[in-house]
Amino acid sequence: MDPLLFERLVQAVEEAVQEAEIILPPDVEAVLRLAAGRETNPVARGEFANILENLSQARELRVPICQDTGIPVVYLTVPPEVPVTAELYEAVAAGIRRATLSVPLRPNGVDPISRENSGDNTGAGLPPVHVMPGDVLRVTVLPKGAGSENMSQIRMMLPSEVSDIPRFVVDVVMAAGARPCPPVVVGVGIGGTFDGAAALAKEALLERIDTMDAYEQGICDAINALGIGPMGLGGDTTALAVKVKRGFCHTASLPVAVNIQCWCCRRGVREVAL
């Protein structure tokens, strides 16, 4: 890779992380404000007020919205003229290391067995980098906190259980309760393979949350009927949105994954000039 392009990619990753950690996407903030305005539970209204004040303070002080700055999941679109080589992944890792210092990020990356911390949010398989073809070189960063990630589930359902998918999603959110810091955003992956369904569910969290189709809205309404509410203290809004991505699967399979995101549904995007 050209050294100048390498440096531009490193900088783009760092800037995308900064954006994601400090400023909530406009569609997410708009949905939060809409939910706050509709809330009838006084305790829940107080929690929404705290959330919105937190967003304001993060912007003003240029600090992360949440103390759990998460694991940075990185999505790259790569045009034909940019070779997909080891340097591409090295540039992403370098950008994460820079962001760890400049934002700053909490060092969350540890060895799964020894629990030894790398100190810079990189390591074997970290950050996860998903590469797909595109017209431009674009970096999208999805910081994923552990409180919500730990509540996610996957189930290998039977093809005859298609009608049970909404119930499964609602049950996952109900079991999670207050732990993922609701109101949550729920990414659902339907189809693919065991690992593919999980990837679809996480990718669903990159979609705008200010629109839902009828299927998504129906699941969201069922989740909100649970009454868990903001921070699990009761209220009208347990889920801000449900987003579903689908993929073709084996005729004998029906993988379904649920990837829960907290109210702080973060994402940052940068394009890199070639």
Protein backbone atom coordinates (compact mmCIF):
# COMPACT_ATOMS: atom_id res chain seq x y z
CA MET A 1 0.00 0.00 0.00
CA ASP A 2 1.18 3.52 -0.79
CA PRO A 3 2.58 5.04 2.45
CA LEU A 4 0.44 8.17 2.10
CA LEU A 5 -2.72 6.10 1.65
CA PHE A 6 -1.70 3.98 4.64
CA GLU A 7 -1.46 7.12 6.78
CA ARG A 8 -4.78 8.47 5.51
CA LEU A 9 -6.47 5.18 6.42
CA VAL A 10 -4.92 5.23 9.90
CA GLN A 11 -6.21 8.78 10.42
CA ALA A 12 -9.67 7.89 9.09
CA VAL A 13 -9.97 4.99 11.53
CA GLU A 14 -8.90 7.22 14.43
CA GLU A 15 -11.40 9.93 13.43
CA ALA A 16 -14.24 7.43 12.94
CA VAL A 17 -13.62 6.06 16.44
CA GLN A 18 -13.59 9.57 17.90
CA GLU A 19 -16.87 10.41 16.18
CA ALA A 20 -18.51 7.18 17.32
CA GLU A 21 -17.42 7.54 20.92
CA ILE A 22 -18.27 11.21 21.43
CA ILE A 23 -21.26 12.07 19.20
CA LEU A 24 -24.32 9.86 18.87
CA PRO A 25 -25.65 9.55 15.28
CA PRO A 26 -28.46 12.05 14.57
CA ASP A 27 -31.05 9.34 13.90
CA VAL A 28 -30.34 7.68 17.25
CA GLU A 29 -30.56 10.93 19.19
CA ALA A 30 -33.78 11.84 17.36
CA VAL A 31 -35.39 8.52 18.33
CA LEU A 32 -34.25 8.96 21.94
CA ARG A 33 -35.81 12.44 22.08
CA LEU A 34 -39.02 11.15 20.50
CA ALA A 35 -39.23 8.32 23.06
CA ALA A 36 -38.52 10.76 25.89
CA GLY A 37 -41.33 13.01 24.73
CA ARG A 38 -43.80 10.11 24.64
CA GLU A 39 -42.79 8.57 27.97
CA THR A 40 -45.54 8.52 30.62
CA ASN A 41 -43.59 6.97 33.50
CA PRO A 42 -42.05 9.74 35.69
CA VAL A 43 -39.02 7.65 36.67
CA ALA A 44 -38.40 6.77 33.03
CA ARG A 45 -38.70 10.44 32.05
CA GLY A 46 -35.97 11.20 34.58
CA GLU A 47 -33.73 8.53 33.05
CA PHE A 48 -34.28 9.95 29.58
CA ALA A 49 -33.34 13.39 30.93
CA ASN A 50 -30.10 11.93 32.29
CA ILE A 51 -29.33 10.27 28.96
CA LEU A 52 -29.90 13.47 26.99
CA GLU A 53 -27.84 15.54 29.41
CA ASN A 54 -25.07 12.96 29.11
CA LEU A 55 -25.08 13.39 25.32
CA SER A 56 -24.84 17.16 25.70
CA GLN A 57 -21.95 16.95 28.16
CA ALA A 58 -20.04 14.46 25.97
CA ARG A 59 -20.28 16.81 22.98
CA GLU A 60 -19.31 19.87 25.00
CA LEU A 61 -16.40 18.28 26.84
CA ARG A 62 -15.27 16.06 23.93
CA VAL A 63 -15.29 12.92 26.06
CA PRO A 64 -16.75 9.46 25.41
CA ILE A 65 -20.50 9.12 25.89
CA CYS A 66 -20.02 5.94 27.96
CA GLN A 67 -17.23 4.74 30.23
CA ASP A 68 -17.33 1.39 28.39
CA THR A 69 -15.83 2.53 25.10
CA GLY A 70 -16.34 -1.02 23.87
CA ILE A 71 -14.63 -3.23 21.34
CA PRO A 72 -14.26 -1.33 18.04
CA VAL A 73 -15.81 -3.46 15.30
CA VAL A 74 -14.60 -2.13 11.94
CA TYR A 75 -16.28 -2.40 8.53
CA LEU A 76 -14.36 -1.45 5.40
CA THR A 77 -15.66 -0.98 1.88
CA VAL A 78 -12.74 -1.34 -0.50
CA PRO A 79 -12.71 -0.29 -4.18
CA PRO A 80 -10.96 -2.44 -6.82
CA GLU A 81 -7.88 -0.21 -6.98
CA VAL A 82 -7.04 -0.79 -3.31
CA PRO A 83 -5.39 -4.18 -2.72
CA VAL A 84 -6.67 -6.20 0.23
CA THR A 85 -3.35 -7.02 1.88
CA ALA A 86 -1.99 -7.36 5.40
CA GLU A 87 -1.20 -3.63 5.32
CA LEU A 88 -4.91 -2.84 5.15
CA TYR A 89 -5.46 -4.61 8.47
CA GLU A 90 -2.27 -3.12 9.92
CA ALA A 91 -3.53 0.40 9.15
CA VAL A 92 -6.82 -0.32 10.93
CA ALA A 93 -5.00 -1.62 14.00
CA ALA A 94 -2.72 1.43 14.00
CA GLY A 95 -5.76 3.70 13.89
CA ILE A 96 -7.28 1.89 16.87
CA ARG A 97 -4.04 2.23 18.83
CA ARG A 98 -3.97 5.98 18.11
CA ALA A 99 -7.61 6.37 19.11
CA THR A 100 -6.95 4.52 22.36
CA LEU A 101 -4.64 7.38 23.32
CA SER A 102 -6.39 10.34 21.70
CA VAL A 103 -10.05 9.78 22.61
CA PRO A 104 -9.05 8.15 25.03
CA LEU A 105 -10.47 4.64 24.96
CA ARG A 106 -10.58 2.29 27.91
CA PRO A 107 -8.20 -0.61 27.14
CA ASN A 108 -10.72 -3.44 26.85
CA GLY A 109 -8.81 -6.04 24.83
CA VAL A 110 -7.66 -9.07 26.81
CA ASP A 111 -6.47 -12.61 26.10
CA PRO A 112 -9.53 -14.85 26.60
CA ILE A 113 -7.73 -17.31 28.91
CA SER A 114 -4.97 -15.43 30.73
CA ARG A 115 -7.03 -12.18 30.74
CA GLU A 116 -3.80 -10.29 30.06
CA ASN A 117 -4.62 -6.83 28.67
CA SER A 118 -2.83 -5.62 25.54
CA GLY A 119 -3.31 -2.04 26.71
CA ASP A 120 -4.18 -0.65 23.27
CA ASN A 121 -7.39 -2.44 22.15
CA THR A 122 -5.53 -4.61 19.63
CA GLY A 123 -4.44 -8.24 19.73
CA ALA A 124 -5.15 -11.56 18.08
CA GLY A 125 -8.38 -11.03 16.13
CA LEU A 126 -8.81 -7.54 17.58
CA PRO A 127 -10.13 -5.30 16.20
CA PRO A 128 -12.55 -7.40 14.14
CA VAL A 129 -12.34 -6.14 10.55
CA HIS A 130 -15.03 -6.92 7.96
CA VAL A 131 -14.06 -6.18 4.36
CA MET A 132 -16.51 -5.88 1.49
CA PRO A 133 -16.24 -4.47 -2.06
CA GLY A 134 -17.39 -0.93 -2.70
CA ASP A 135 -16.95 2.14 -4.87
CA VAL A 136 -14.98 4.10 -2.25
CA LEU A 137 -12.64 3.32 0.61
CA ARG A 138 -14.92 3.84 3.60
CA VAL A 139 -14.36 3.12 7.29
CA THR A 140 -17.31 2.43 9.58
CA VAL A 141 -16.66 1.82 13.27
CA LEU A 142 -19.18 0.20 15.61
CA PRO A 143 -18.01 0.32 19.25
CA LYS A 144 -19.67 -2.58 21.11
CA GLY A 145 -19.86 -2.53 24.88
CA ALA A 146 -19.81 -5.74 26.91
CA GLY A 147 -22.99 -5.11 28.90
CA SER A 148 -25.13 -5.42 25.79
CA GLU A 149 -22.90 -7.87 23.90
CA ASN A 150 -23.09 -10.36 26.79
CA MET A 151 -26.88 -10.49 26.49
CA SER A 152 -26.84 -11.60 22.85
CA GLN A 153 -27.95 -15.08 21.81
CA ILE A 154 -28.11 -17.36 18.78
CA ARG A 155 -30.48 -20.25 18.19
CA MET A 156 -30.53 -22.85 15.45
CA MET A 157 -34.26 -23.01 14.86
CA LEU A 158 -36.16 -25.45 12.69
CA PRO A 159 -37.61 -24.25 9.37
CA SER A 160 -41.06 -24.99 10.80
CA GLU A 161 -40.41 -22.41 13.56
CA VAL A 162 -40.41 -19.32 11.33
CA SER A 163 -43.45 -17.93 13.16
CA ASP A 164 -41.60 -18.34 16.49
CA ILE A 165 -38.80 -15.91 15.58
CA PRO A 166 -40.48 -12.80 17.08
CA ARG A 167 -41.12 -14.66 20.35
CA PHE A 168 -37.48 -15.75 20.52
CA VAL A 169 -36.28 -12.16 20.06
CA VAL A 170 -38.66 -10.87 22.75
CA ASP A 171 -37.56 -13.64 25.13
CA VAL A 172 -33.90 -12.68 24.67
CA VAL A 173 -34.65 -9.06 25.58
CA MET A 174 -36.80 -10.14 28.52
CA ALA A 175 -34.01 -12.36 29.86
CA ALA A 176 -31.53 -9.48 29.49
CA GLY A 177 -33.64 -7.18 31.62
CA ALA A 178 -31.76 -4.10 32.82
CA ARG A 179 -28.26 -5.44 32.12
CA PRO A 180 -27.78 -4.06 28.58
CA CYS A 181 -28.75 -0.50 29.67
CA PRO A 182 -32.13 -0.13 27.95
CA PRO A 183 -33.76 1.32 25.97
CA VAL A 184 -31.94 -1.03 23.61
CA VAL A 185 -31.52 -1.37 19.89
CA VAL A 186 -31.98 -4.98 18.80
CA GLY A 187 -30.12 -6.36 15.80
CA VAL A 188 -31.58 -9.59 14.43
CA GLY A 189 -29.89 -11.84 11.88
CA ILE A 190 -32.10 -14.42 10.19
CA GLY A 191 -30.61 -17.07 7.93
CA GLY A 192 -27.13 -17.73 6.64
CA THR A 193 -25.05 -20.13 8.72
CA PHE A 194 -24.32 -20.31 12.46
CA ASP A 195 -21.63 -17.64 12.20
CA GLY A 196 -23.35 -15.81 9.35
CA ALA A 197 -26.50 -15.14 11.37
CA ALA A 198 -24.42 -13.50 14.10
CA ALA A 199 -22.67 -11.33 11.51
CA LEU A 200 -26.03 -10.29 10.06
CA ALA A 201 -27.33 -9.37 13.51
CA LYS A 202 -24.38 -7.08 14.21
CA GLU A 203 -24.53 -5.53 10.74
CA ALA A 204 -28.20 -4.73 11.40
CA LEU A 205 -27.03 -2.39 14.17
CA LEU A 206 -25.37 -0.20 11.53
CA GLU A 207 -28.73 0.63 9.94
CA ARG A 208 -30.58 3.86 10.69
CA ILE A 209 -33.03 3.30 13.52
CA ASP A 210 -35.56 6.02 12.69
CA THR A 211 -37.39 3.70 10.28
CA MET A 212 -38.67 0.13 10.69
CA ASP A 213 -40.66 -2.12 8.42
CA ALA A 214 -43.85 -3.82 9.64
CA TYR A 215 -42.01 -6.98 10.77
CA GLU A 216 -39.47 -5.00 12.77
CA GLN A 217 -42.14 -2.72 14.23
CA GLY A 218 -44.20 -5.69 15.39
CA ILE A 219 -41.26 -7.16 17.32
CA CYS A 220 -40.38 -3.74 18.74
CA ASP A 221 -43.95 -3.22 19.97
CA ALA A 222 -43.90 -6.63 21.67
CA ILE A 223 -40.63 -5.78 23.40
CA ASN A 224 -41.97 -2.44 24.62
CA ALA A 225 -45.01 -4.21 26.04
CA LEU A 226 -42.63 -5.89 28.52
CA GLY A 227 -42.43 -2.63 30.49
CA ILE A 228 -38.74 -3.01 31.38
CA GLY A 229 -38.15 0.64 30.51
CA PRO A 230 -35.06 2.84 30.60
CA MET A 231 -32.33 1.32 32.79
CA GLY A 232 -34.80 -1.40 33.79
CA LEU A 233 -36.75 0.92 36.08
CA GLY A 234 -40.04 0.57 34.21
CA GLY A 235 -41.52 2.61 31.42
CA ASP A 236 -43.01 2.68 27.96
CA THR A 237 -39.79 2.25 25.97
CA THR A 238 -37.62 -0.83 26.36
CA ALA A 239 -36.46 -0.90 22.73
CA LEU A 240 -35.78 2.12 20.54
CA ALA A 241 -35.80 -0.05 17.43
CA VAL A 242 -35.49 -3.55 16.04
CA LYS A 243 -33.47 -3.97 12.86
CA VAL A 244 -33.48 -7.23 10.90
CA LYS A 245 -31.07 -8.49 8.22
CA ARG A 246 -31.75 -11.68 6.30
CA GLY A 247 -29.65 -14.14 4.33
CA PHE A 248 -30.44 -17.30 2.41
CA CYS A 249 -29.82 -20.47 4.41
CA HIS A 250 -29.78 -24.26 4.04
CA THR A 251 -33.20 -25.77 3.38
CA ALA A 252 -32.95 -27.69 6.67
CA SER A 253 -31.74 -24.73 8.77
CA LEU A 254 -33.08 -21.53 10.31
CA PRO A 255 -30.30 -19.75 12.23
CA VAL A 256 -31.49 -16.72 14.21
CA ALA A 257 -29.13 -14.40 16.10
CA VAL A 258 -30.02 -11.52 18.40
CA ASN A 259 -27.31 -8.91 19.00
CA ILE A 260 -28.41 -6.38 21.60
CA GLN A 261 -27.05 -2.84 21.66
CA CYS A 262 -27.52 -0.40 24.54
CA TRP A 263 -29.22 2.97 24.11
CA CYS A 264 -25.83 4.32 23.08
CA CYS A 265 -26.03 2.91 19.56
CA ARG A 266 -22.73 4.30 18.31
CA ARG A 267 -21.23 4.39 14.84
CA GLY A 268 -18.66 6.57 13.09
CA VAL A 269 -17.94 6.82 9.36
CA ARG A 270 -15.07 8.27 7.34
CA GLU A 271 -14.18 8.11 3.65
CA VAL A 272 -10.55 7.93 2.59
CA ALA A 273 -9.30 9.86 -0.44
CA LEU A 274 -7.31 7.67 -2.86
